[in-house]
Amino acid sequence: MAGSVTATAQALQFLSEIVADHGPVLFHQSGGCCDGSSPMCYPRGDFRIGESDVKMGEIGGMPFYISGPQYEVWRHTDLIIDVVPGRGGMFSLDNGRERRFLTRSTYCETPSTNRGG
């Protein structure tokens, strides 16, 4: 079973504030060096989606992408976008708002291959 992406009510409210200020956005989860649990939020059109990036779905009508290598690791994971106190990534639109997006997760069960005892 492939993973999915959803958002908490608090994340959707925070997202609506950002969209009101900046217009349509997109999310990108890279698993990069700084804070792999923080998806980055960019104005749509300001971030180039890579050939290996995977669209996992949408939250609040905004697309959510994940890097190909990160998707391979997390492909059986349901991602839940939440909001916590703190500062967002330097180039992310949640920066400077004293709240930031955070990715939480739950593992999706895959069909068992163990047929015996």
N, C-alpha and C. Protein backbone atom coordinates (compact mmCIF):
# COMPACT_ATOMS: atom_id res chain seq x y z
N MET A 1 0.85 -1.19 0.00
CA MET A 1 0.00 0.00 0.00
C MET A 1 0.89 1.24 0.00
N ALA A 2 0.61 2.16 -0.91
CA ALA A 2 1.40 3.38 -0.99
C ALA A 2 0.96 4.37 0.08
N GLY A 3 1.88 5.21 0.49
CA GLY A 3 1.59 6.21 1.50
C GLY A 3 0.74 7.35 0.96
N SER A 4 0.33 8.19 1.87
CA SER A 4 -0.50 9.34 1.51
C SER A 4 -0.05 10.54 2.34
N VAL A 5 -0.67 11.68 2.07
CA VAL A 5 -0.38 12.88 2.86
C VAL A 5 -1.71 13.52 3.26
N THR A 6 -1.81 13.88 4.54
CA THR A 6 -2.97 14.59 5.08
C THR A 6 -2.45 15.71 5.97
N ALA A 7 -3.35 16.49 6.52
CA ALA A 7 -2.94 17.60 7.39
C ALA A 7 -3.91 17.72 8.55
N THR A 8 -3.38 18.17 9.67
CA THR A 8 -4.22 18.44 10.83
C THR A 8 -5.03 19.71 10.58
N ALA A 9 -6.07 19.91 11.38
CA ALA A 9 -6.87 21.13 11.28
C ALA A 9 -6.00 22.37 11.51
N GLN A 10 -5.06 22.27 12.45
CA GLN A 10 -4.17 23.41 12.73
C GLN A 10 -3.28 23.71 11.53
N ALA A 11 -2.80 22.67 10.86
CA ALA A 11 -1.95 22.88 9.68
C ALA A 11 -2.76 23.51 8.55
N LEU A 12 -4.00 23.07 8.37
CA LEU A 12 -4.83 23.65 7.32
C LEU A 12 -5.14 25.12 7.60
N GLN A 13 -5.36 25.46 8.86
CA GLN A 13 -5.60 26.86 9.22
C GLN A 13 -4.35 27.71 8.95
N PHE A 14 -3.19 27.19 9.35
CA PHE A 14 -1.92 27.89 9.12
C PHE A 14 -1.68 28.05 7.62
N LEU A 15 -1.95 27.01 6.87
CA LEU A 15 -1.80 27.06 5.42
C LEU A 15 -2.70 28.13 4.83
N SER A 16 -3.93 28.24 5.31
CA SER A 16 -4.84 29.25 4.76
C SER A 16 -4.31 30.66 5.03
N GLU A 17 -3.66 30.88 6.17
CA GLU A 17 -3.05 32.18 6.45
C GLU A 17 -1.94 32.49 5.45
N ILE A 18 -1.10 31.49 5.17
CA ILE A 18 0.01 31.68 4.24
C ILE A 18 -0.51 31.93 2.83
N VAL A 19 -1.51 31.17 2.41
CA VAL A 19 -2.08 31.36 1.07
C VAL A 19 -2.73 32.74 0.95
N ALA A 20 -3.37 33.20 2.01
CA ALA A 20 -3.97 34.55 1.99
C ALA A 20 -2.90 35.61 1.77
N ASP A 21 -1.71 35.40 2.32
CA ASP A 21 -0.61 36.36 2.18
C ASP A 21 0.15 36.22 0.87
N HIS A 22 0.29 34.98 0.35
CA HIS A 22 1.20 34.73 -0.77
C HIS A 22 0.56 34.12 -2.00
N GLY A 23 -0.70 33.76 -1.94
CA GLY A 23 -1.33 33.08 -3.07
C GLY A 23 -1.01 31.59 -3.03
N PRO A 24 -1.32 30.87 -4.12
CA PRO A 24 -1.13 29.42 -4.16
C PRO A 24 0.32 29.01 -3.87
N VAL A 25 0.47 27.93 -3.13
CA VAL A 25 1.79 27.44 -2.73
C VAL A 25 1.92 25.96 -3.11
N LEU A 26 3.10 25.44 -2.89
CA LEU A 26 3.33 24.01 -2.97
C LEU A 26 4.26 23.63 -1.83
N PHE A 27 4.21 22.35 -1.48
CA PHE A 27 5.08 21.80 -0.44
C PHE A 27 6.08 20.87 -1.08
N HIS A 28 7.29 20.85 -0.50
CA HIS A 28 8.31 19.89 -0.92
C HIS A 28 9.00 19.33 0.31
N GLN A 29 9.02 18.01 0.39
CA GLN A 29 9.68 17.29 1.49
C GLN A 29 10.94 16.65 0.91
N SER A 30 12.10 17.14 1.35
CA SER A 30 13.33 16.64 0.74
C SER A 30 14.08 15.64 1.58
N GLY A 31 13.90 15.71 2.90
CA GLY A 31 14.71 14.85 3.76
C GLY A 31 16.14 15.32 3.78
N GLY A 32 16.35 16.60 3.52
CA GLY A 32 17.70 17.16 3.41
C GLY A 32 18.42 17.24 4.73
N CYS A 33 19.52 17.93 4.70
CA CYS A 33 20.46 17.95 5.82
C CYS A 33 19.98 18.74 7.03
N CYS A 34 19.15 19.74 6.83
CA CYS A 34 18.84 20.65 7.93
C CYS A 34 17.79 20.13 8.88
N ASP A 35 16.62 19.81 8.38
CA ASP A 35 15.55 19.28 9.22
C ASP A 35 14.62 18.48 8.34
N GLY A 36 14.90 17.22 8.16
CA GLY A 36 14.14 16.36 7.27
C GLY A 36 12.70 16.19 7.68
N SER A 37 12.32 16.62 8.89
CA SER A 37 10.93 16.50 9.31
C SER A 37 10.12 17.73 8.96
N SER A 38 10.73 18.72 8.34
CA SER A 38 10.02 19.95 8.00
C SER A 38 9.82 20.06 6.49
N PRO A 39 8.57 20.01 6.04
CA PRO A 39 8.35 20.25 4.62
C PRO A 39 8.53 21.74 4.34
N MET A 40 9.05 22.05 3.20
CA MET A 40 9.23 23.44 2.80
C MET A 40 7.99 23.89 2.03
N CYS A 41 7.59 25.12 2.25
CA CYS A 41 6.40 25.70 1.63
C CYS A 41 6.86 26.88 0.76
N TYR A 42 6.56 26.80 -0.54
CA TYR A 42 7.02 27.82 -1.49
C TYR A 42 5.84 28.38 -2.28
N PRO A 43 5.97 29.63 -2.76
CA PRO A 43 4.96 30.11 -3.71
C PRO A 43 4.99 29.22 -4.95
N ARG A 44 3.83 28.87 -5.44
CA ARG A 44 3.79 28.04 -6.64
C ARG A 44 4.47 28.80 -7.77
N GLY A 45 5.34 28.16 -8.47
CA GLY A 45 6.09 28.79 -9.55
C GLY A 45 7.48 29.25 -9.13
N ASP A 46 7.74 29.32 -7.82
CA ASP A 46 9.07 29.73 -7.34
C ASP A 46 9.97 28.54 -7.05
N PHE A 47 9.46 27.34 -7.15
CA PHE A 47 10.26 26.14 -6.87
C PHE A 47 10.11 25.20 -8.05
N ARG A 48 11.23 24.77 -8.58
CA ARG A 48 11.22 23.86 -9.72
C ARG A 48 11.15 22.41 -9.23
N ILE A 49 10.10 21.71 -9.62
CA ILE A 49 9.94 20.31 -9.27
C ILE A 49 10.92 19.51 -10.11
N GLY A 50 11.68 18.61 -9.45
CA GLY A 50 12.66 17.79 -10.16
C GLY A 50 12.03 16.59 -10.84
N GLU A 51 12.75 16.03 -11.80
CA GLU A 51 12.24 14.88 -12.54
C GLU A 51 11.98 13.67 -11.64
N SER A 52 12.72 13.55 -10.55
CA SER A 52 12.53 12.40 -9.67
C SER A 52 11.57 12.68 -8.52
N ASP A 53 11.09 13.93 -8.39
CA ASP A 53 10.15 14.25 -7.32
C ASP A 53 8.82 13.54 -7.57
N VAL A 54 8.15 13.17 -6.48
CA VAL A 54 6.88 12.43 -6.55
C VAL A 54 5.80 13.27 -5.88
N LYS A 55 4.68 13.42 -6.55
CA LYS A 55 3.54 14.11 -5.94
C LYS A 55 2.78 13.08 -5.09
N MET A 56 2.79 13.28 -3.77
CA MET A 56 2.11 12.35 -2.87
C MET A 56 0.64 12.69 -2.71
N GLY A 57 0.25 13.90 -3.04
CA GLY A 57 -1.13 14.30 -2.91
C GLY A 57 -1.23 15.79 -2.72
N GLU A 58 -2.32 16.22 -2.09
CA GLU A 58 -2.55 17.64 -1.83
C GLU A 58 -3.04 17.82 -0.41
N ILE A 59 -2.70 18.97 0.17
CA ILE A 59 -3.30 19.37 1.44
C ILE A 59 -3.87 20.76 1.26
N GLY A 60 -5.10 20.93 1.67
CA GLY A 60 -5.75 22.22 1.48
C GLY A 60 -5.76 22.67 0.04
N GLY A 61 -5.80 21.73 -0.90
CA GLY A 61 -5.78 22.05 -2.32
C GLY A 61 -4.42 22.42 -2.88
N MET A 62 -3.39 22.33 -2.06
CA MET A 62 -2.03 22.67 -2.49
C MET A 62 -1.22 21.37 -2.68
N PRO A 63 -0.46 21.26 -3.78
CA PRO A 63 0.28 20.03 -4.04
C PRO A 63 1.41 19.79 -3.04
N PHE A 64 1.62 18.52 -2.74
CA PHE A 64 2.67 18.10 -1.81
C PHE A 64 3.58 17.11 -2.53
N TYR A 65 4.84 17.50 -2.72
CA TYR A 65 5.84 16.68 -3.41
C TYR A 65 6.87 16.19 -2.41
N ILE A 66 7.49 15.08 -2.77
CA ILE A 66 8.58 14.52 -1.97
C ILE A 66 9.69 14.11 -2.93
N SER A 67 10.93 14.27 -2.52
CA SER A 67 12.03 13.90 -3.40
C SER A 67 11.99 12.40 -3.67
N GLY A 68 12.44 12.01 -4.83
CA GLY A 68 12.42 10.59 -5.22
C GLY A 68 13.13 9.69 -4.22
N PRO A 69 14.37 10.02 -3.81
CA PRO A 69 15.06 9.18 -2.84
C PRO A 69 14.32 9.10 -1.50
N GLN A 70 13.74 10.22 -1.07
CA GLN A 70 12.99 10.22 0.18
C GLN A 70 11.72 9.39 0.03
N TYR A 71 11.09 9.47 -1.13
CA TYR A 71 9.88 8.67 -1.39
C TYR A 71 10.21 7.18 -1.30
N GLU A 72 11.34 6.77 -1.81
CA GLU A 72 11.70 5.35 -1.74
C GLU A 72 11.77 4.86 -0.29
N VAL A 73 12.23 5.72 0.60
CA VAL A 73 12.31 5.37 2.02
C VAL A 73 10.93 5.43 2.68
N TRP A 74 10.13 6.40 2.31
CA TRP A 74 8.85 6.68 2.98
C TRP A 74 7.63 6.23 2.19
N ARG A 75 7.78 5.45 1.13
CA ARG A 75 6.64 5.15 0.26
C ARG A 75 5.52 4.36 0.93
N HIS A 76 5.82 3.69 2.03
CA HIS A 76 4.78 2.96 2.78
C HIS A 76 4.40 3.71 4.06
N THR A 77 4.52 5.02 4.01
CA THR A 77 4.27 5.85 5.18
C THR A 77 3.17 6.86 4.87
N ASP A 78 2.24 7.01 5.81
CA ASP A 78 1.25 8.08 5.72
C ASP A 78 1.86 9.30 6.40
N LEU A 79 1.97 10.39 5.67
CA LEU A 79 2.52 11.63 6.21
C LEU A 79 1.38 12.50 6.72
N ILE A 80 1.54 13.04 7.91
CA ILE A 80 0.56 13.92 8.51
C ILE A 80 1.25 15.25 8.76
N ILE A 81 0.82 16.29 8.06
CA ILE A 81 1.43 17.61 8.21
C ILE A 81 0.75 18.31 9.39
N ASP A 82 1.57 18.76 10.32
CA ASP A 82 1.10 19.39 11.53
C ASP A 82 1.81 20.73 11.68
N VAL A 83 1.50 21.46 12.75
CA VAL A 83 2.13 22.74 13.05
C VAL A 83 2.65 22.70 14.47
N VAL A 84 3.86 23.21 14.67
CA VAL A 84 4.47 23.29 16.00
C VAL A 84 5.09 24.67 16.17
N PRO A 85 5.34 25.09 17.41
CA PRO A 85 6.05 26.37 17.61
C PRO A 85 7.46 26.28 17.05
N GLY A 86 7.96 27.38 16.54
CA GLY A 86 9.33 27.41 16.03
C GLY A 86 9.42 28.19 14.74
N ARG A 87 10.60 28.14 14.14
CA ARG A 87 10.86 28.86 12.90
C ARG A 87 10.94 27.88 11.75
N GLY A 88 10.35 28.26 10.63
CA GLY A 88 10.40 27.44 9.43
C GLY A 88 11.76 27.53 8.77
N GLY A 89 11.93 26.76 7.72
CA GLY A 89 13.17 26.78 6.95
C GLY A 89 13.42 28.16 6.36
N MET A 90 14.67 28.48 6.11
CA MET A 90 15.07 29.82 5.69
C MET A 90 14.26 30.32 4.48
N PHE A 91 14.00 29.46 3.51
CA PHE A 91 13.31 29.90 2.30
C PHE A 91 11.83 29.49 2.29
N SER A 92 11.38 28.86 3.35
CA SER A 92 10.00 28.40 3.44
C SER A 92 9.10 29.54 3.92
N LEU A 93 7.87 29.58 3.40
CA LEU A 93 6.94 30.66 3.74
C LEU A 93 6.46 30.61 5.18
N ASP A 94 6.71 29.53 5.89
CA ASP A 94 6.34 29.50 7.31
C ASP A 94 7.40 30.16 8.19
N ASN A 95 8.53 30.54 7.63
CA ASN A 95 9.60 31.19 8.38
C ASN A 95 9.14 32.57 8.86
N GLY A 96 9.49 32.91 10.10
CA GLY A 96 9.19 34.22 10.64
C GLY A 96 7.79 34.34 11.22
N ARG A 97 7.06 33.25 11.31
CA ARG A 97 5.69 33.28 11.82
C ARG A 97 5.58 32.65 13.21
N GLU A 98 6.71 32.26 13.76
CA GLU A 98 6.80 31.64 15.10
C GLU A 98 6.04 30.32 15.19
N ARG A 99 5.67 29.78 14.04
CA ARG A 99 5.12 28.44 13.91
C ARG A 99 5.72 27.85 12.65
N ARG A 100 5.78 26.53 12.59
CA ARG A 100 6.31 25.91 11.38
C ARG A 100 5.58 24.61 11.12
N PHE A 101 5.62 24.19 9.88
CA PHE A 101 5.05 22.89 9.53
C PHE A 101 6.00 21.79 9.99
N LEU A 102 5.43 20.66 10.34
CA LEU A 102 6.20 19.50 10.78
C LEU A 102 5.53 18.26 10.18
N THR A 103 6.34 17.34 9.69
CA THR A 103 5.81 16.09 9.15
C THR A 103 5.87 15.02 10.22
N ARG A 104 4.71 14.49 10.53
CA ARG A 104 4.61 13.31 11.40
C ARG A 104 4.26 12.16 10.49
N SER A 105 4.38 10.93 10.99
CA SER A 105 4.10 9.81 10.09
C SER A 105 3.58 8.59 10.84
N THR A 106 2.89 7.77 10.08
CA THR A 106 2.49 6.44 10.53
C THR A 106 2.83 5.49 9.41
N TYR A 107 3.27 4.31 9.78
CA TYR A 107 3.68 3.31 8.80
C TYR A 107 2.47 2.56 8.28
N CYS A 108 2.37 2.40 6.98
CA CYS A 108 1.28 1.64 6.37
C CYS A 108 1.67 0.17 6.38
N GLU A 109 0.73 -0.67 6.73
CA GLU A 109 1.01 -2.10 6.71
C GLU A 109 1.03 -2.58 5.27
N THR A 110 1.99 -3.45 4.99
CA THR A 110 2.06 -4.06 3.66
C THR A 110 1.61 -5.50 3.78
N PRO A 111 1.11 -6.08 2.72
CA PRO A 111 0.69 -7.47 2.79
C PRO A 111 1.83 -8.37 3.26
N SER A 112 1.53 -9.28 4.14
CA SER A 112 2.55 -10.17 4.69
C SER A 112 3.00 -11.18 3.65
N THR A 113 4.29 -11.42 3.64
CA THR A 113 4.84 -12.45 2.76
C THR A 113 5.14 -13.71 3.55
N ASN A 114 4.89 -13.67 4.84
CA ASN A 114 5.13 -14.83 5.69
C ASN A 114 3.91 -15.74 5.62
N ARG A 115 4.04 -16.88 4.94
CA ARG A 115 2.92 -17.79 4.72
C ARG A 115 2.93 -18.98 5.67
N GLY A 116 3.93 -19.06 6.49
CA GLY A 116 4.00 -20.26 7.34
C GLY A 116 4.18 -19.87 8.78
N GLY A 117 4.21 -20.90 9.64
CA GLY A 117 4.38 -20.90 11.06
C GLY A 117 4.99 -19.80 11.71
